[in-house]
Amino acid sequence: MQGGVMQQFSDAKWSYVTGNVTDRGATRLGSLAREPRLGDLVAARVVSLNAHDSLENIKGRHVRLYPGDVLVGAFATCPPGPRPTC
């Protein structure tokens, strides 16, 4: 199973915020042994789609998302308020 997971990870759709990751091949999947920190990468699988059905990729282009896609993003902080902008 590990090989299948890593294959899906290498085919992941990388979001714009991950554009400064210079060596994607050096990234590895790990456990949540600690609380995530600002800038930590996160990989997630799309289960279903509603209002948000695309992702801005590292080149700034919108790419369509489909159930089963794996995407990579980064943890960030959102400003407080009734409608966060992040």
Protein backbone atom coordinates (compact mmCIF):
# COMPACT_ATOMS: atom_id res chain seq x y z
CA MET A 1 0.00 0.00 0.00
CA GLN A 2 2.84 2.43 0.77
CA GLY A 3 3.95 2.39 -2.87
CA GLY A 4 0.43 3.30 -4.00
CA VAL A 5 0.28 6.20 -1.56
CA MET A 6 3.66 7.55 -2.68
CA GLN A 7 2.64 7.26 -6.35
CA GLN A 8 -0.50 9.27 -5.65
CA PHE A 9 1.58 11.82 -3.73
CA SER A 10 3.97 12.27 -6.65
CA ASP A 11 0.99 12.87 -8.96
CA ALA A 12 -0.54 15.42 -6.57
CA LYS A 13 -1.74 18.85 -7.61
CA TRP A 14 0.52 21.37 -5.85
CA SER A 15 -1.09 24.65 -4.83
CA TYR A 16 0.32 28.10 -5.48
CA VAL A 17 1.55 28.50 -1.89
CA THR A 18 3.93 25.56 -2.40
CA GLY A 19 5.74 27.27 -5.28
CA ASN A 20 8.90 27.84 -3.21
CA VAL A 21 9.33 24.12 -2.50
CA THR A 22 12.43 23.53 -4.60
CA ASP A 23 12.80 19.76 -4.19
CA ARG A 24 9.39 18.10 -4.20
CA GLY A 25 11.08 14.71 -4.43
CA ALA A 26 12.54 15.26 -0.95
CA THR A 27 9.11 15.67 0.64
CA ARG A 28 7.75 12.71 2.55
CA LEU A 29 4.44 11.78 4.09
CA GLY A 30 4.52 11.69 7.85
CA SER A 31 2.25 11.47 10.84
CA LEU A 32 0.75 14.26 12.88
CA ALA A 33 3.02 13.66 15.85
CA ARG A 34 2.84 17.39 16.70
CA GLU A 35 0.62 20.37 16.04
CA PRO A 36 1.15 21.73 12.52
CA ARG A 37 3.22 24.92 12.25
CA LEU A 38 3.04 27.83 9.87
CA GLY A 39 4.45 26.69 6.52
CA ASP A 40 4.16 22.95 7.13
CA LEU A 41 2.94 21.13 4.03
CA VAL A 42 -0.31 19.20 4.05
CA ALA A 43 -1.50 16.57 1.58
CA ALA A 44 -5.22 15.89 1.27
CA ARG A 45 -7.47 13.81 -0.93
CA VAL A 46 -10.56 15.39 -2.49
CA VAL A 47 -13.63 13.50 -1.32
CA SER A 48 -16.35 15.69 -2.83
CA LEU A 49 -16.71 19.08 -4.48
CA ASN A 50 -19.12 21.92 -3.83
CA ALA A 51 -18.54 25.62 -4.46
CA HIS A 52 -14.75 25.30 -4.76
CA ASP A 53 -13.89 23.01 -7.64
CA SER A 54 -10.47 24.29 -8.68
CA LEU A 55 -7.02 24.97 -7.30
CA GLU A 56 -4.51 27.66 -8.24
CA ASN A 57 -1.36 25.74 -9.18
CA ILE A 58 2.26 26.84 -8.72
CA LYS A 59 2.16 28.71 -12.03
CA GLY A 60 -0.94 30.66 -11.00
CA ARG A 61 -3.31 28.75 -13.27
CA HIS A 62 -6.60 27.32 -12.08
CA VAL A 63 -6.80 23.56 -12.45
CA ARG A 64 -9.99 21.58 -12.05
CA LEU A 65 -10.29 19.28 -9.05
CA TYR A 66 -11.97 15.87 -9.13
CA PRO A 67 -12.92 13.44 -6.37
CA GLY A 68 -9.87 11.28 -5.67
CA ASP A 69 -7.33 14.00 -6.53
CA VAL A 70 -4.51 14.49 -4.04
CA LEU A 71 -3.51 18.11 -3.45
CA VAL A 72 -0.66 19.70 -1.51
CA GLY A 73 -0.99 22.96 0.38
CA ALA A 74 0.54 24.65 3.39
CA PHE A 75 -0.69 25.55 6.84
CA ALA A 76 -1.22 29.27 7.34
CA THR A 77 -2.82 31.62 9.80
CA CYS A 78 -6.01 33.50 9.04
CA PRO A 79 -6.72 36.96 10.39
CA PRO A 80 -9.54 37.07 12.92
CA GLY A 81 -12.87 38.41 11.82
CA PRO A 82 -16.24 37.38 10.54
CA ARG A 83 -14.99 36.56 7.01
CA PRO A 84 -11.34 35.50 6.89
CA THR A 85 -9.68 36.22 3.56
CA CYS A 86 -7.30 33.31 3.48
